[in-house]
Amino acid sequence: MKTPRWIPAAAALACALLPPAPAADLPRKAPDYTINLTGGKTLTLSQYKGHPVVLAFILTGCSHCQRAIGFLIKDQNEYAPRGLQVLASAIEGNAAAAVPLFLKNFQPTFPVGYSEGQSALDFMQHSVAKIPMMPLMAFLDRQGDIRAQYEGDDPFFGDQLEENLRRQIEALLAMGAPARKSVPAKSTAAPRRSTAQ
């Protein structure tokens, strides 16, 4: 549960003296969000509409973030056939330079890129009165609504993180699952021949 390096110490101290921050509104429509990928490409959250999405904002050197990514790699592998898409974005100041080594070390099975820290806080409706604790994680349903979100100092990230992630993902997959198309049964009877001559 690490404080981002891009938060100045004086601002962190000032935030600590402010009253408790109000919680973000849930559920709410997620704004579109752009993540920069290595090699100059980008992806947008709207590309994944119709899929349940777990969006993780991380610091590449944060052990809590790395632990969460490890579990999300397992979850992506298990739940991808059911439509799950995990995305991650590093938000530290030198994220563009740090992401390639992170990709090499962790080999995630989902896109990991980088974005500006303040844009992540805005996406999460994070109060300026509270220092962000990493990682930040949002769970979006198939319609693009944020159904749940957590940050690093929440008990969600405690000893039961793996189970908590699975519980949230299962809830997303159960919400608004696409209806299965019924296929008419084929007749097994032999076709009748006309007896008319």
N, C-alpha and C. Protein backbone atom coordinates (compact mmCIF):
# COMPACT_ATOMS: atom_id res chain seq x y z
N MET A 1 0.85 -1.16 0.00
CA MET A 1 0.00 0.00 0.00
C MET A 1 0.89 1.22 0.00
N LYS A 2 1.23 1.62 -1.17
CA LYS A 2 2.24 2.63 -1.38
C LYS A 2 1.61 3.92 -1.85
N THR A 3 2.19 5.05 -1.40
CA THR A 3 1.76 6.36 -1.86
C THR A 3 2.52 6.67 -3.14
N PRO A 4 1.85 7.11 -4.20
CA PRO A 4 2.54 7.41 -5.45
C PRO A 4 3.63 8.46 -5.26
N ARG A 5 4.74 8.28 -5.98
CA ARG A 5 5.86 9.22 -5.90
C ARG A 5 5.54 10.58 -6.47
N TRP A 6 4.53 10.66 -7.32
CA TRP A 6 4.22 11.94 -7.93
C TRP A 6 3.40 12.84 -7.02
N ILE A 7 3.06 12.37 -5.80
CA ILE A 7 2.37 13.21 -4.82
C ILE A 7 3.45 13.92 -3.99
N PRO A 8 3.58 15.25 -4.08
CA PRO A 8 4.59 15.95 -3.29
C PRO A 8 4.35 15.77 -1.79
N ALA A 9 5.43 15.73 -1.03
CA ALA A 9 5.34 15.50 0.43
C ALA A 9 4.49 16.55 1.10
N ALA A 10 4.63 17.81 0.71
CA ALA A 10 3.85 18.88 1.34
C ALA A 10 2.35 18.68 1.07
N ALA A 11 2.02 18.27 -0.15
CA ALA A 11 0.61 18.02 -0.48
C ALA A 11 0.08 16.83 0.31
N ALA A 12 0.92 15.81 0.47
CA ALA A 12 0.50 14.63 1.24
C ALA A 12 0.21 15.02 2.68
N LEU A 13 1.05 15.87 3.27
CA LEU A 13 0.85 16.31 4.64
C LEU A 13 -0.43 17.15 4.74
N ALA A 14 -0.63 18.04 3.79
CA ALA A 14 -1.83 18.88 3.80
C ALA A 14 -3.08 18.02 3.68
N CYS A 15 -3.04 16.99 2.81
CA CYS A 15 -4.19 16.10 2.64
C CYS A 15 -4.48 15.32 3.92
N ALA A 16 -3.44 14.97 4.64
CA ALA A 16 -3.62 14.20 5.87
C ALA A 16 -4.36 15.00 6.93
N LEU A 17 -4.32 16.33 6.85
CA LEU A 17 -4.96 17.17 7.84
C LEU A 17 -6.41 17.51 7.49
N LEU A 18 -6.85 17.12 6.30
CA LEU A 18 -8.21 17.43 5.86
C LEU A 18 -9.20 16.41 6.43
N PRO A 19 -10.50 16.77 6.45
CA PRO A 19 -11.51 15.83 6.94
C PRO A 19 -11.61 14.62 6.01
N PRO A 20 -12.26 13.53 6.48
CA PRO A 20 -12.39 12.32 5.65
C PRO A 20 -13.03 12.63 4.31
N ALA A 21 -12.59 11.91 3.29
CA ALA A 21 -13.08 12.11 1.94
C ALA A 21 -14.39 11.37 1.71
N PRO A 22 -15.30 11.95 0.91
CA PRO A 22 -16.53 11.24 0.59
C PRO A 22 -16.21 10.08 -0.36
N ALA A 23 -17.01 9.05 -0.30
CA ALA A 23 -16.82 7.88 -1.17
C ALA A 23 -17.27 8.21 -2.59
N ALA A 24 -16.69 7.52 -3.55
CA ALA A 24 -17.09 7.69 -4.94
C ALA A 24 -18.48 7.10 -5.14
N ASP A 25 -19.21 7.64 -6.10
CA ASP A 25 -20.55 7.14 -6.41
C ASP A 25 -20.46 5.79 -7.10
N LEU A 26 -21.25 4.84 -6.62
CA LEU A 26 -21.31 3.51 -7.23
C LEU A 26 -22.75 3.04 -7.25
N PRO A 27 -23.21 2.37 -8.28
CA PRO A 27 -22.53 2.23 -9.56
C PRO A 27 -22.59 3.55 -10.32
N ARG A 28 -21.68 3.71 -11.29
CA ARG A 28 -21.67 4.89 -12.14
C ARG A 28 -21.11 4.52 -13.50
N LYS A 29 -21.51 5.29 -14.50
CA LYS A 29 -21.02 5.08 -15.85
C LYS A 29 -19.54 5.45 -15.88
N ALA A 30 -18.71 4.56 -16.39
CA ALA A 30 -17.27 4.84 -16.48
C ALA A 30 -17.01 5.77 -17.66
N PRO A 31 -16.21 6.81 -17.44
CA PRO A 31 -15.81 7.61 -18.59
C PRO A 31 -14.85 6.79 -19.44
N ASP A 32 -14.72 7.14 -20.71
CA ASP A 32 -13.73 6.42 -21.51
C ASP A 32 -12.35 6.75 -20.96
N TYR A 33 -11.44 5.85 -21.12
CA TYR A 33 -10.09 6.03 -20.57
C TYR A 33 -9.08 5.48 -21.56
N THR A 34 -8.00 6.20 -21.75
CA THR A 34 -6.96 5.80 -22.70
C THR A 34 -5.71 5.37 -21.94
N ILE A 35 -5.17 4.23 -22.33
CA ILE A 35 -3.92 3.72 -21.78
C ILE A 35 -2.89 3.67 -22.90
N ASN A 36 -1.72 4.24 -22.64
CA ASN A 36 -0.62 4.21 -23.60
C ASN A 36 0.10 2.87 -23.47
N LEU A 37 0.39 2.26 -24.61
CA LEU A 37 1.11 0.99 -24.62
C LEU A 37 2.52 1.22 -25.14
N THR A 38 3.42 0.30 -24.84
CA THR A 38 4.77 0.42 -25.37
C THR A 38 4.69 0.30 -26.89
N GLY A 39 5.59 0.95 -27.57
CA GLY A 39 5.56 0.92 -29.03
C GLY A 39 4.69 2.01 -29.63
N GLY A 40 4.17 2.92 -28.81
CA GLY A 40 3.42 4.06 -29.32
C GLY A 40 1.94 3.82 -29.57
N LYS A 41 1.44 2.63 -29.30
CA LYS A 41 0.02 2.36 -29.49
C LYS A 41 -0.75 2.75 -28.24
N THR A 42 -2.07 2.84 -28.38
CA THR A 42 -2.95 3.12 -27.25
C THR A 42 -4.13 2.16 -27.30
N LEU A 43 -4.79 2.03 -26.17
CA LEU A 43 -6.07 1.32 -26.14
C LEU A 43 -7.03 2.17 -25.33
N THR A 44 -8.30 1.99 -25.59
CA THR A 44 -9.32 2.72 -24.85
C THR A 44 -10.24 1.73 -24.15
N LEU A 45 -10.74 2.14 -23.03
CA LEU A 45 -11.65 1.30 -22.26
C LEU A 45 -12.89 0.97 -23.08
N SER A 46 -13.35 1.90 -23.91
CA SER A 46 -14.57 1.67 -24.70
C SER A 46 -14.41 0.52 -25.69
N GLN A 47 -13.17 0.15 -26.04
CA GLN A 47 -12.95 -1.00 -26.93
C GLN A 47 -13.50 -2.29 -26.32
N TYR A 48 -13.65 -2.31 -25.00
CA TYR A 48 -14.02 -3.54 -24.31
C TYR A 48 -15.46 -3.54 -23.83
N LYS A 49 -16.26 -2.61 -24.34
CA LYS A 49 -17.68 -2.61 -23.97
C LYS A 49 -18.29 -3.94 -24.41
N GLY A 50 -19.11 -4.51 -23.54
CA GLY A 50 -19.66 -5.83 -23.79
C GLY A 50 -18.90 -6.91 -23.03
N HIS A 51 -17.76 -6.53 -22.45
CA HIS A 51 -16.96 -7.45 -21.63
C HIS A 51 -16.91 -6.93 -20.20
N PRO A 52 -16.95 -7.81 -19.22
CA PRO A 52 -16.64 -7.36 -17.86
C PRO A 52 -15.14 -7.02 -17.83
N VAL A 53 -14.79 -5.92 -17.18
CA VAL A 53 -13.41 -5.44 -17.17
C VAL A 53 -12.95 -5.19 -15.74
N VAL A 54 -11.72 -5.62 -15.45
CA VAL A 54 -11.04 -5.23 -14.22
C VAL A 54 -9.94 -4.28 -14.67
N LEU A 55 -9.98 -3.05 -14.18
CA LEU A 55 -8.98 -2.04 -14.51
C LEU A 55 -8.17 -1.74 -13.27
N ALA A 56 -6.86 -2.03 -13.34
CA ALA A 56 -5.96 -1.82 -12.20
C ALA A 56 -4.99 -0.70 -12.51
N PHE A 57 -4.93 0.27 -11.61
CA PHE A 57 -3.92 1.32 -11.68
C PHE A 57 -2.83 0.94 -10.69
N ILE A 58 -1.59 0.88 -11.17
CA ILE A 58 -0.49 0.35 -10.37
C ILE A 58 0.73 1.26 -10.39
N LEU A 59 1.65 0.95 -9.49
CA LEU A 59 3.01 1.46 -9.55
C LEU A 59 3.87 0.23 -9.81
N THR A 60 4.75 0.27 -10.78
CA THR A 60 5.49 -0.93 -11.18
C THR A 60 6.38 -1.47 -10.08
N GLY A 61 6.86 -0.63 -9.17
CA GLY A 61 7.73 -1.09 -8.09
C GLY A 61 7.02 -1.39 -6.79
N CYS A 62 5.71 -1.28 -6.77
CA CYS A 62 4.91 -1.49 -5.55
C CYS A 62 4.64 -2.99 -5.36
N SER A 63 5.08 -3.54 -4.24
CA SER A 63 4.90 -4.98 -4.00
C SER A 63 3.43 -5.37 -3.92
N HIS A 64 2.58 -4.49 -3.39
CA HIS A 64 1.14 -4.78 -3.32
C HIS A 64 0.53 -4.84 -4.72
N CYS A 65 1.01 -3.94 -5.58
CA CYS A 65 0.53 -3.93 -6.97
C CYS A 65 0.98 -5.19 -7.69
N GLN A 66 2.22 -5.57 -7.48
CA GLN A 66 2.77 -6.77 -8.12
C GLN A 66 2.01 -8.02 -7.68
N ARG A 67 1.68 -8.08 -6.41
CA ARG A 67 0.90 -9.22 -5.88
C ARG A 67 -0.47 -9.28 -6.57
N ALA A 68 -1.13 -8.13 -6.66
CA ALA A 68 -2.45 -8.08 -7.31
C ALA A 68 -2.35 -8.48 -8.78
N ILE A 69 -1.32 -8.03 -9.47
CA ILE A 69 -1.14 -8.39 -10.88
C ILE A 69 -0.95 -9.90 -11.02
N GLY A 70 -0.20 -10.50 -10.10
CA GLY A 70 -0.01 -11.96 -10.14
C GLY A 70 -1.34 -12.70 -10.10
N PHE A 71 -2.22 -12.28 -9.21
CA PHE A 71 -3.55 -12.92 -9.12
C PHE A 71 -4.38 -12.61 -10.36
N LEU A 72 -4.28 -11.39 -10.88
CA LEU A 72 -5.07 -11.02 -12.06
C LEU A 72 -4.61 -11.78 -13.30
N ILE A 73 -3.34 -12.14 -13.37
CA ILE A 73 -2.87 -12.98 -14.48
C ILE A 73 -3.60 -14.33 -14.44
N LYS A 74 -3.68 -14.93 -13.26
CA LYS A 74 -4.41 -16.20 -13.12
C LYS A 74 -5.88 -16.02 -13.51
N ASP A 75 -6.48 -14.92 -13.03
CA ASP A 75 -7.90 -14.67 -13.31
C ASP A 75 -8.15 -14.46 -14.79
N GLN A 76 -7.26 -13.72 -15.47
CA GLN A 76 -7.43 -13.50 -16.91
C GLN A 76 -7.39 -14.83 -17.64
N ASN A 77 -6.44 -15.68 -17.28
CA ASN A 77 -6.33 -16.98 -17.94
C ASN A 77 -7.57 -17.83 -17.72
N GLU A 78 -8.10 -17.82 -16.50
CA GLU A 78 -9.26 -18.66 -16.18
C GLU A 78 -10.57 -18.12 -16.75
N TYR A 79 -10.76 -16.80 -16.65
CA TYR A 79 -12.06 -16.23 -16.98
C TYR A 79 -12.17 -15.62 -18.38
N ALA A 80 -11.08 -15.54 -19.12
CA ALA A 80 -11.14 -14.97 -20.48
C ALA A 80 -12.15 -15.69 -21.36
N PRO A 81 -12.26 -17.03 -21.30
CA PRO A 81 -13.26 -17.70 -22.14
C PRO A 81 -14.70 -17.25 -21.82
N ARG A 82 -14.91 -16.70 -20.64
CA ARG A 82 -16.25 -16.21 -20.27
C ARG A 82 -16.38 -14.71 -20.51
N GLY A 83 -15.37 -14.10 -21.13
CA GLY A 83 -15.48 -12.70 -21.54
C GLY A 83 -14.69 -11.70 -20.72
N LEU A 84 -14.05 -12.12 -19.63
CA LEU A 84 -13.33 -11.16 -18.78
C LEU A 84 -12.15 -10.53 -19.52
N GLN A 85 -11.96 -9.24 -19.29
CA GLN A 85 -10.77 -8.55 -19.77
C GLN A 85 -10.15 -7.76 -18.62
N VAL A 86 -8.91 -8.07 -18.31
CA VAL A 86 -8.15 -7.32 -17.33
C VAL A 86 -7.28 -6.32 -18.08
N LEU A 87 -7.18 -5.10 -17.54
CA LEU A 87 -6.30 -4.06 -18.08
C LEU A 87 -5.55 -3.46 -16.90
N ALA A 88 -4.33 -3.03 -17.13
CA ALA A 88 -3.57 -2.36 -16.07
C ALA A 88 -2.84 -1.17 -16.65
N SER A 89 -2.71 -0.15 -15.81
CA SER A 89 -1.99 1.06 -16.22
C SER A 89 -1.10 1.53 -15.07
N ALA A 90 0.19 1.66 -15.37
CA ALA A 90 1.12 2.21 -14.39
C ALA A 90 0.97 3.72 -14.39
N ILE A 91 0.98 4.32 -13.21
CA ILE A 91 0.72 5.77 -13.14
C ILE A 91 1.82 6.55 -12.44
N GLU A 92 2.99 5.91 -12.21
CA GLU A 92 4.08 6.69 -11.61
C GLU A 92 4.69 7.65 -12.63
N GLY A 93 5.47 8.59 -12.16
CA GLY A 93 6.05 9.62 -13.01
C GLY A 93 6.88 9.09 -14.17
N ASN A 94 7.62 8.01 -13.99
CA ASN A 94 8.47 7.46 -15.04
C ASN A 94 7.87 6.18 -15.63
N ALA A 95 6.57 6.10 -15.66
CA ALA A 95 5.89 4.86 -16.05
C ALA A 95 6.26 4.41 -17.46
N ALA A 96 6.40 5.33 -18.41
CA ALA A 96 6.72 4.92 -19.79
C ALA A 96 8.04 4.15 -19.83
N ALA A 97 9.00 4.56 -19.01
CA ALA A 97 10.29 3.87 -18.97
C ALA A 97 10.23 2.60 -18.13
N ALA A 98 9.36 2.54 -17.12
CA ALA A 98 9.30 1.41 -16.20
C ALA A 98 8.48 0.23 -16.73
N VAL A 99 7.50 0.49 -17.58
CA VAL A 99 6.59 -0.58 -18.03
C VAL A 99 7.30 -1.69 -18.80
N PRO A 100 8.23 -1.40 -19.73
CA PRO A 100 8.86 -2.52 -20.45
C PRO A 100 9.52 -3.55 -19.54
N LEU A 101 10.23 -3.12 -18.50
CA LEU A 101 10.86 -4.06 -17.58
C LEU A 101 9.79 -4.81 -16.78
N PHE A 102 8.72 -4.12 -16.39
CA PHE A 102 7.62 -4.77 -15.68
C PHE A 102 7.02 -5.88 -16.55
N LEU A 103 6.81 -5.59 -17.83
CA LEU A 103 6.25 -6.59 -18.75
C LEU A 103 7.19 -7.79 -18.87
N LYS A 104 8.48 -7.52 -18.96
CA LYS A 104 9.46 -8.60 -19.07
C LYS A 104 9.47 -9.48 -17.82
N ASN A 105 9.41 -8.84 -16.65
CA ASN A 105 9.49 -9.58 -15.38
C ASN A 105 8.22 -10.36 -15.05
N PHE A 106 7.05 -9.80 -15.36
CA PHE A 106 5.80 -10.42 -14.93
C PHE A 106 5.03 -11.13 -16.05
N GLN A 107 5.32 -10.80 -17.29
CA GLN A 107 4.69 -11.42 -18.45
C GLN A 107 3.17 -11.54 -18.31
N PRO A 108 2.49 -10.41 -18.09
CA PRO A 108 1.03 -10.47 -17.93
C PRO A 108 0.35 -10.94 -19.22
N THR A 109 -0.77 -11.59 -19.04
CA THR A 109 -1.55 -12.12 -20.17
C THR A 109 -2.65 -11.14 -20.59
N PHE A 110 -2.48 -9.89 -20.23
CA PHE A 110 -3.43 -8.84 -20.56
C PHE A 110 -2.63 -7.55 -20.80
N PRO A 111 -3.25 -6.55 -21.44
CA PRO A 111 -2.51 -5.31 -21.71
C PRO A 111 -2.14 -4.55 -20.43
N VAL A 112 -0.89 -4.14 -20.36
CA VAL A 112 -0.39 -3.27 -19.30
C VAL A 112 0.30 -2.10 -19.99
N GLY A 113 -0.13 -0.90 -19.66
CA GLY A 113 0.46 0.30 -20.23
C GLY A 113 0.70 1.32 -19.16
N TYR A 114 0.56 2.58 -19.53
CA TYR A 114 0.80 3.65 -18.58
C TYR A 114 -0.09 4.85 -18.91
N SER A 115 -0.35 5.64 -17.91
CA SER A 115 -1.14 6.86 -18.07
C SER A 115 -0.74 7.84 -16.98
N GLU A 116 -1.24 9.02 -17.07
CA GLU A 116 -0.91 10.09 -16.12
C GLU A 116 -1.68 9.86 -14.82
N GLY A 117 -1.01 10.05 -13.70
CA GLY A 117 -1.59 9.77 -12.40
C GLY A 117 -2.88 10.50 -12.11
N GLN A 118 -2.95 11.77 -12.44
CA GLN A 118 -4.16 12.53 -12.13
C GLN A 118 -5.35 12.02 -12.92
N SER A 119 -5.14 11.56 -14.14
CA SER A 119 -6.26 11.03 -14.93
C SER A 119 -6.83 9.76 -14.28
N ALA A 120 -5.96 8.95 -13.66
CA ALA A 120 -6.43 7.76 -12.96
C ALA A 120 -7.25 8.15 -11.74
N LEU A 121 -6.79 9.15 -11.00
CA LEU A 121 -7.53 9.60 -9.82
C LEU A 121 -8.89 10.18 -10.22
N ASP A 122 -8.91 10.92 -11.32
CA ASP A 122 -10.18 11.46 -11.81
C ASP A 122 -11.13 10.32 -12.20
N PHE A 123 -10.61 9.31 -12.89
CA PHE A 123 -11.42 8.17 -13.29
C PHE A 123 -12.04 7.50 -12.07
N MET A 124 -11.26 7.36 -11.02
CA MET A 124 -11.72 6.69 -9.80
C MET A 124 -12.55 7.60 -8.89
N GLN A 125 -12.74 8.86 -9.27
CA GLN A 125 -13.39 9.87 -8.43
C GLN A 125 -12.71 9.95 -7.07
N HIS A 126 -11.39 9.88 -7.09
CA HIS A 126 -10.62 9.90 -5.86
C HIS A 126 -10.59 11.32 -5.31
N SER A 127 -10.92 11.47 -4.05
CA SER A 127 -10.98 12.78 -3.43
C SER A 127 -9.58 13.37 -3.28
N VAL A 128 -9.48 14.68 -3.51
CA VAL A 128 -8.20 15.37 -3.29
C VAL A 128 -7.88 15.43 -1.81
N ALA A 129 -8.85 15.13 -0.97
CA ALA A 129 -8.64 15.17 0.48
C ALA A 129 -7.99 13.89 1.01
N LYS A 130 -7.71 12.94 0.14
CA LYS A 130 -7.16 11.66 0.59
C LYS A 130 -5.96 11.28 -0.27
N ILE A 131 -4.91 10.84 0.38
CA ILE A 131 -3.73 10.38 -0.35
C ILE A 131 -4.06 9.03 -0.97
N PRO A 132 -3.83 8.85 -2.28
CA PRO A 132 -4.13 7.55 -2.89
C PRO A 132 -3.16 6.48 -2.41
N MET A 133 -3.69 5.33 -2.08
CA MET A 133 -2.89 4.17 -1.70
C MET A 133 -3.03 3.15 -2.82
N MET A 134 -1.93 2.57 -3.20
CA MET A 134 -1.90 1.72 -4.39
C MET A 134 -1.98 0.25 -4.03
N PRO A 135 -2.55 -0.57 -4.92
CA PRO A 135 -3.13 -0.23 -6.22
C PRO A 135 -4.54 0.34 -6.09
N LEU A 136 -5.03 0.88 -7.19
CA LEU A 136 -6.42 1.30 -7.33
C LEU A 136 -7.04 0.33 -8.32
N MET A 137 -8.26 -0.13 -8.06
CA MET A 137 -8.85 -1.14 -8.92
C MET A 137 -10.34 -0.88 -9.10
N ALA A 138 -10.79 -0.94 -10.35
CA ALA A 138 -12.21 -0.76 -10.67
C ALA A 138 -12.74 -1.99 -11.39
N PHE A 139 -13.98 -2.36 -11.09
CA PHE A 139 -14.65 -3.51 -11.69
C PHE A 139 -15.83 -2.99 -12.50
N LEU A 140 -15.78 -3.19 -13.81
CA LEU A 140 -16.80 -2.67 -14.72
C LEU A 140 -17.62 -3.80 -15.31
N ASP A 141 -18.94 -3.57 -15.38
CA ASP A 141 -19.81 -4.59 -15.98
C ASP A 141 -19.80 -4.48 -17.50
N ARG A 142 -20.56 -5.32 -18.16
CA ARG A 142 -20.58 -5.38 -19.63
C ARG A 142 -21.10 -4.10 -20.27
N GLN A 143 -21.87 -3.32 -19.52
CA GLN A 143 -22.40 -2.06 -20.05
C GLN A 143 -21.46 -0.89 -19.81
N GLY A 144 -20.33 -1.12 -19.16
CA GLY A 144 -19.37 -0.05 -18.90
C GLY A 144 -19.65 0.73 -17.64
N ASP A 145 -20.39 0.13 -16.70
CA ASP A 145 -20.65 0.78 -15.42
C ASP A 145 -19.68 0.25 -14.38
N ILE A 146 -19.13 1.16 -13.57
CA ILE A 146 -18.24 0.76 -12.49
C ILE A 146 -19.14 0.26 -11.36
N ARG A 147 -19.01 -1.01 -11.02
CA ARG A 147 -19.84 -1.63 -9.99
C ARG A 147 -19.16 -1.66 -8.64
N ALA A 148 -17.83 -1.71 -8.63
CA ALA A 148 -17.07 -1.73 -7.38
C ALA A 148 -15.70 -1.15 -7.66
N GLN A 149 -15.09 -0.58 -6.63
CA GLN A 149 -13.72 -0.09 -6.75
C GLN A 149 -13.07 -0.10 -5.38
N TYR A 150 -11.76 -0.30 -5.39
CA TYR A 150 -11.00 -0.42 -4.15
C TYR A 150 -9.64 0.24 -4.32
N GLU A 151 -9.07 0.66 -3.20
CA GLU A 151 -7.69 1.13 -3.23
C GLU A 151 -6.89 0.42 -2.16
N GLY A 152 -5.58 0.49 -2.29
CA GLY A 152 -4.64 -0.33 -1.55
C GLY A 152 -4.81 -0.43 -0.05
N ASP A 153 -5.39 0.57 0.61
CA ASP A 153 -5.54 0.47 2.06
C ASP A 153 -6.86 -0.19 2.48
N ASP A 154 -7.65 -0.66 1.51
CA ASP A 154 -8.91 -1.33 1.79
C ASP A 154 -8.64 -2.78 2.20
N PRO A 155 -9.43 -3.34 3.14
CA PRO A 155 -9.27 -4.75 3.51
C PRO A 155 -9.39 -5.71 2.33
N PHE A 156 -9.99 -5.26 1.24
CA PHE A 156 -10.09 -6.06 0.01
C PHE A 156 -8.72 -6.60 -0.39
N PHE A 157 -7.66 -5.81 -0.18
CA PHE A 157 -6.31 -6.18 -0.59
C PHE A 157 -5.55 -6.95 0.49
N GLY A 158 -6.23 -7.40 1.51
CA GLY A 158 -5.58 -8.14 2.60
C GLY A 158 -5.25 -9.58 2.23
N ASP A 159 -5.21 -10.42 3.23
CA ASP A 159 -4.83 -11.82 3.05
C ASP A 159 -5.75 -12.58 2.10
N GLN A 160 -6.98 -12.13 1.97
CA GLN A 160 -7.96 -12.83 1.13
C GLN A 160 -8.09 -12.21 -0.26
N LEU A 161 -7.05 -11.51 -0.73
CA LEU A 161 -7.13 -10.81 -2.02
C LEU A 161 -7.53 -11.74 -3.16
N GLU A 162 -6.92 -12.89 -3.25
CA GLU A 162 -7.22 -13.80 -4.36
C GLU A 162 -8.71 -14.16 -4.37
N GLU A 163 -9.25 -14.50 -3.20
CA GLU A 163 -10.68 -14.85 -3.10
C GLU A 163 -11.56 -13.63 -3.38
N ASN A 164 -11.14 -12.46 -2.89
CA ASN A 164 -11.93 -11.25 -3.12
C ASN A 164 -12.00 -10.91 -4.60
N LEU A 165 -10.88 -11.06 -5.30
CA LEU A 165 -10.88 -10.81 -6.75
C LEU A 165 -11.82 -11.77 -7.46
N ARG A 166 -11.73 -13.03 -7.13
CA ARG A 166 -12.58 -14.03 -7.77
C ARG A 166 -14.07 -13.75 -7.50
N ARG A 167 -14.39 -13.35 -6.29
CA ARG A 167 -15.78 -13.05 -5.94
C ARG A 167 -16.30 -11.87 -6.78
N GLN A 168 -15.50 -10.82 -6.91
CA GLN A 168 -15.92 -9.66 -7.71
C GLN A 168 -16.05 -10.03 -9.18
N ILE A 169 -15.10 -10.81 -9.68
CA ILE A 169 -15.13 -11.21 -11.09
C ILE A 169 -16.35 -12.09 -11.37
N GLU A 170 -16.61 -13.04 -10.48
CA GLU A 170 -17.80 -13.91 -10.66
C GLU A 170 -19.08 -13.08 -10.66
N ALA A 171 -19.15 -12.06 -9.80
CA ALA A 171 -20.33 -11.19 -9.77
C ALA A 171 -20.47 -10.43 -11.09
N LEU A 172 -19.36 -9.94 -11.64
CA LEU A 172 -19.42 -9.24 -12.93
C LEU A 172 -19.87 -10.18 -14.04
N LEU A 173 -19.34 -11.38 -14.04
CA LEU A 173 -19.69 -12.34 -15.10
C LEU A 173 -21.16 -12.73 -15.03
N ALA A 174 -21.72 -12.76 -13.83
CA ALA A 174 -23.12 -13.12 -13.66
C ALA A 174 -24.06 -11.99 -14.08
N MET A 175 -23.56 -10.74 -14.04
CA MET A 175 -24.39 -9.58 -14.37
C MET A 175 -24.54 -9.43 -15.87
N GLY A 176 -25.74 -9.42 -16.32
CA GLY A 176 -25.99 -9.12 -17.73
C GLY A 176 -25.27 -10.04 -18.68
N ALA A 177 -25.13 -11.29 -18.31
CA ALA A 177 -24.48 -12.24 -19.22
C ALA A 177 -25.29 -12.31 -20.50
N PRO A 178 -24.61 -12.37 -21.63
CA PRO A 178 -25.36 -12.43 -22.88
C PRO A 178 -26.25 -13.67 -22.93
N ALA A 179 -27.46 -13.48 -23.42
CA ALA A 179 -28.41 -14.59 -23.51
C ALA A 179 -27.90 -15.59 -24.53
N ARG A 180 -28.07 -16.84 -24.21
CA ARG A 180 -27.68 -17.89 -25.16
C ARG A 180 -28.76 -18.01 -26.22
N LYS A 181 -28.32 -18.09 -27.45
CA LYS A 181 -29.29 -18.24 -28.54
C LYS A 181 -29.74 -19.68 -28.57
N SER A 182 -31.07 -19.86 -28.68
CA SER A 182 -31.56 -21.23 -28.78
C SER A 182 -31.54 -21.64 -30.25
N VAL A 183 -31.06 -22.82 -30.47
CA VAL A 183 -30.99 -23.35 -31.83
C VAL A 183 -32.12 -24.35 -31.98
N PRO A 184 -32.94 -24.18 -33.02
CA PRO A 184 -34.04 -25.12 -33.19
C PRO A 184 -33.51 -26.55 -33.36
N ALA A 185 -34.19 -27.48 -32.73
CA ALA A 185 -33.77 -28.88 -32.84
C ALA A 185 -34.02 -29.37 -34.25
N LYS A 186 -33.05 -30.14 -34.73
CA LYS A 186 -33.21 -30.71 -36.07
C LYS A 186 -34.09 -31.95 -35.98
N SER A 187 -34.89 -32.10 -36.98
CA SER A 187 -35.77 -33.28 -37.02
C SER A 187 -34.93 -34.49 -37.41
N THR A 188 -35.15 -35.58 -36.72
CA THR A 188 -34.41 -36.81 -37.04
C THR A 188 -35.25 -37.77 -37.88
N ALA A 189 -36.51 -37.40 -38.12
CA ALA A 189 -37.37 -38.27 -38.92
C ALA A 189 -36.95 -38.19 -40.38
N ALA A 190 -37.08 -39.28 -41.09
CA ALA A 190 -36.75 -39.31 -42.51
C ALA A 190 -37.78 -38.47 -43.26
N PRO A 191 -37.33 -37.78 -44.28
CA PRO A 191 -38.29 -36.96 -45.05
C PRO A 191 -39.34 -37.86 -45.70
N ARG A 192 -40.54 -37.35 -45.78
CA ARG A 192 -41.64 -38.12 -46.39
C ARG A 192 -41.60 -37.93 -47.89
N ARG A 193 -41.89 -39.01 -48.56
CA ARG A 193 -41.95 -38.94 -50.04
C ARG A 193 -43.40 -38.71 -50.44
N SER A 194 -43.51 -37.96 -51.43
CA SER A 194 -44.86 -37.69 -51.93
C SER A 194 -45.38 -38.96 -52.60
N THR A 195 -46.62 -39.31 -52.31
CA THR A 195 -47.22 -40.49 -52.94
C THR A 195 -48.08 -40.12 -54.14
N ALA A 196 -48.19 -38.79 -54.33
CA ALA A 196 -49.00 -38.34 -55.47
C ALA A 196 -48.25 -38.63 -56.76
N GLN A 197 -48.98 -39.08 -57.80
CA GLN A 197 -48.37 -39.36 -59.09
C GLN A 197 -48.97 -38.57 -60.15
